[in-house]
Every structure is written in structure tokens, then in C-alpha cells.
Amino acid sequence: MATLSELAQAFMDGERPAGNLLDEDGVRAQALAATRFYAGFALLRCFDGVEAERVITSETVISLSEWAVIRPLFLLYVDRETAIQLEASRTMGIDPYGRSVSEIATDITQVEAEMPQRAFFQPIVTI
């Protein structure tokens, strides 16, 4: 189990140390956004049994199985933000590379539509 901040940092340091245009705060914001979307369909394990207000922050602890479901959406959110920056650089005469924002938005829509099924969990009870 790791915090969202640690997972975002691991992404920046280990998974995409080069070619990532977002800073640490930008990557962390995308991890928060993806986790908040997931939490709309599933109770995070760290909140199980917690009666107080459930607030998702960069210090929220995520299990590996939860991150496995959240991560594809997180990656798409990061790609979208990167594409937005690249497309905005066009006004400065820089030719953007990679996928366009609209292409990534289509993938995001698909992954978000699948999230209720992926996040669904029903414990098995035997009698």
C-alpha cells in the first residue's frame, strides 16, 4: 500500500522519467482526479469502517489492487494534460507530437464508462 503522492512520484521517477512534461504537482493532481472518479463507484479500502468525512488527498493510502484499476485512467489523464500543453505550444511555433487531446478524450470516455464494472466488488458470503 502506498499514498497517492508516492505513486505519483514513482511514476515520475521510474515509469516516465523522460518525456513527461508535467511537474510533480500536475502528476499528483491527475492521480487525485483518477482516484476521486474511482471512489464514486467503490469504497477505498483505507476508508473501510471510517465514519468521519472521507476526503481523498495526496496522503490517501491506496492498495495495489485499487491502483491497478485506477492506473489506466490516471495514465490517460496524464496524457491528456501533456497533450493540452503540447497543443498550447503550437502558438509559439512548436510542432506538437503524440496523440491529440480529442483522441485521448475518447479513450478517457471509454475507460470512465467501464469504471463502474471494474470497481464493483461484492464480498462472497457462504452459509
Protein backbone atom coordinates (compact mmCIF):
# COMPACT_ATOMS: atom_id res chain seq x y z
CA MET A 1 0.00 0.00 0.00
CA ALA A 2 1.23 3.48 -0.85
CA THR A 3 -0.02 7.04 -0.77
CA LEU A 4 -1.16 8.78 -3.93
CA SER A 5 1.81 11.12 -3.59
CA GLU A 6 4.21 8.16 -3.50
CA LEU A 7 2.55 6.54 -6.51
CA ALA A 8 2.74 9.79 -8.49
CA GLN A 9 6.41 10.19 -7.56
CA ALA A 10 7.16 6.59 -8.54
CA PHE A 11 5.51 7.27 -11.90
CA MET A 12 7.69 10.34 -12.46
CA ASP A 13 10.92 8.73 -11.26
CA GLY A 14 10.61 5.19 -12.55
CA GLU A 15 7.96 4.84 -15.21
CA ARG A 16 8.33 8.08 -17.17
CA PRO A 17 11.45 9.90 -16.06
CA ALA A 18 11.91 11.36 -19.57
CA GLY A 19 9.27 12.86 -21.80
CA ASN A 20 6.91 13.81 -19.01
CA LEU A 21 6.01 17.49 -19.33
CA LEU A 22 4.02 17.70 -16.11
CA ASP A 23 5.62 18.72 -12.85
CA GLU A 24 5.15 16.85 -9.58
CA ASP A 25 2.03 18.82 -8.65
CA GLY A 26 0.49 18.19 -12.07
CA VAL A 27 1.04 14.44 -11.90
CA ARG A 28 -0.25 14.31 -8.32
CA ALA A 29 -3.38 16.24 -9.38
CA GLN A 30 -4.10 13.65 -12.06
CA ALA A 31 -3.67 10.82 -9.53
CA LEU A 32 -6.14 12.59 -7.24
CA ALA A 33 -8.62 13.13 -10.07
CA ALA A 34 -8.50 9.49 -11.17
CA THR A 35 -8.84 8.25 -7.58
CA ARG A 36 -11.78 10.54 -6.89
CA PHE A 37 -13.50 9.23 -10.01
CA TYR A 38 -12.89 5.63 -8.89
CA ALA A 39 -14.18 6.45 -5.39
CA GLY A 40 -17.51 7.38 -6.92
CA PHE A 41 -18.06 3.69 -7.60
CA ALA A 42 -16.12 1.89 -4.85
CA LEU A 43 -15.20 2.41 -1.23
CA LEU A 44 -11.46 2.82 -0.86
CA ARG A 45 -10.01 0.21 1.46
CA CYS A 46 -8.40 2.89 3.64
CA PHE A 47 -11.91 4.29 4.37
CA ASP A 48 -13.46 0.94 5.30
CA GLY A 49 -15.01 1.35 8.74
CA VAL A 50 -14.30 5.09 8.85
CA GLU A 51 -17.38 7.06 9.82
CA ALA A 52 -15.80 10.52 9.51
CA GLU A 53 -15.86 12.51 6.29
CA ARG A 54 -13.93 10.66 3.61
CA VAL A 55 -11.61 13.14 1.93
CA ILE A 56 -9.18 11.99 -0.74
CA THR A 57 -5.85 13.80 -0.52
CA SER A 58 -2.33 13.15 -1.74
CA GLU A 59 -1.75 11.27 1.53
CA THR A 60 -4.62 8.84 0.97
CA VAL A 61 -3.37 5.26 1.05
CA ILE A 62 -4.23 3.11 -1.95
CA SER A 63 -3.89 -0.67 -2.16
CA LEU A 64 -2.19 -2.30 -5.14
CA SER A 65 -5.47 -3.78 -6.35
CA GLU A 66 -7.17 -0.37 -6.21
CA TRP A 67 -4.25 1.22 -8.06
CA ALA A 68 -4.47 -1.48 -10.73
CA VAL A 69 -8.00 -0.28 -11.51
CA ILE A 70 -7.23 3.44 -11.12
CA ARG A 71 -3.91 3.47 -13.02
CA PRO A 72 -5.24 3.24 -16.62
CA LEU A 73 -7.43 6.30 -16.01
CA PHE A 74 -4.54 8.09 -14.30
CA LEU A 75 -2.30 7.44 -17.32
CA LEU A 76 -4.93 8.82 -19.68
CA TYR A 77 -5.38 11.92 -17.51
CA VAL A 78 -1.61 12.50 -17.57
CA ASP A 79 -1.55 12.02 -21.34
CA ARG A 80 -4.40 14.49 -21.77
CA GLU A 81 -2.69 17.16 -19.70
CA THR A 82 0.54 16.63 -21.63
CA ALA A 83 -1.35 16.90 -24.93
CA ILE A 84 -3.01 20.12 -23.77
CA GLN A 85 0.42 21.62 -23.07
CA LEU A 86 1.78 20.45 -26.40
CA GLU A 87 -1.17 21.81 -28.34
CA ALA A 88 -0.89 25.11 -26.48
CA SER A 89 2.77 25.36 -27.55
CA ARG A 90 1.63 25.49 -31.17
CA THR A 91 1.11 29.26 -30.79
CA MET A 92 4.84 29.56 -30.11
CA GLY A 93 5.69 27.78 -33.35
CA ILE A 94 6.42 24.39 -31.81
CA ASP A 95 5.05 21.42 -33.72
CA PRO A 96 3.27 19.14 -31.22
CA TYR A 97 3.89 15.40 -31.24
CA GLY A 98 1.93 12.43 -29.94
CA ARG A 99 -1.80 11.96 -29.72
CA SER A 100 -4.23 14.88 -29.79
CA VAL A 101 -6.41 15.91 -26.87
CA SER A 102 -9.53 14.74 -28.71
CA GLU A 103 -8.06 11.26 -29.28
CA ILE A 104 -7.19 10.92 -25.62
CA ALA A 105 -10.60 12.29 -24.57
CA THR A 106 -12.25 9.47 -26.49
CA ASP A 107 -10.17 6.90 -24.59
CA ILE A 108 -10.96 8.62 -21.28
CA THR A 109 -14.67 8.46 -22.02
CA GLN A 110 -14.40 4.73 -22.67
CA VAL A 111 -12.38 3.98 -19.51
CA GLU A 112 -14.69 6.14 -17.38
CA ALA A 113 -17.72 4.29 -18.80
CA GLU A 114 -16.13 0.95 -17.83
CA MET A 115 -15.20 2.10 -14.31
CA PRO A 116 -18.47 1.07 -12.59
CA GLN A 117 -17.95 -2.54 -13.70
CA ARG A 118 -14.24 -2.56 -12.90
CA ALA A 119 -14.72 -1.00 -9.46
CA PHE A 120 -17.65 -3.22 -8.48
CA PHE A 121 -16.98 -5.55 -5.58
CA GLN A 122 -19.32 -7.86 -3.75
CA PRO A 123 -17.86 -10.00 -0.98
CA ILE A 124 -18.75 -13.67 -1.15
CA VAL A 125 -20.77 -14.88 1.79
CA THR A 126 -21.29 -18.59 2.37
CA ILE A 127 -23.80 -20.10 4.71
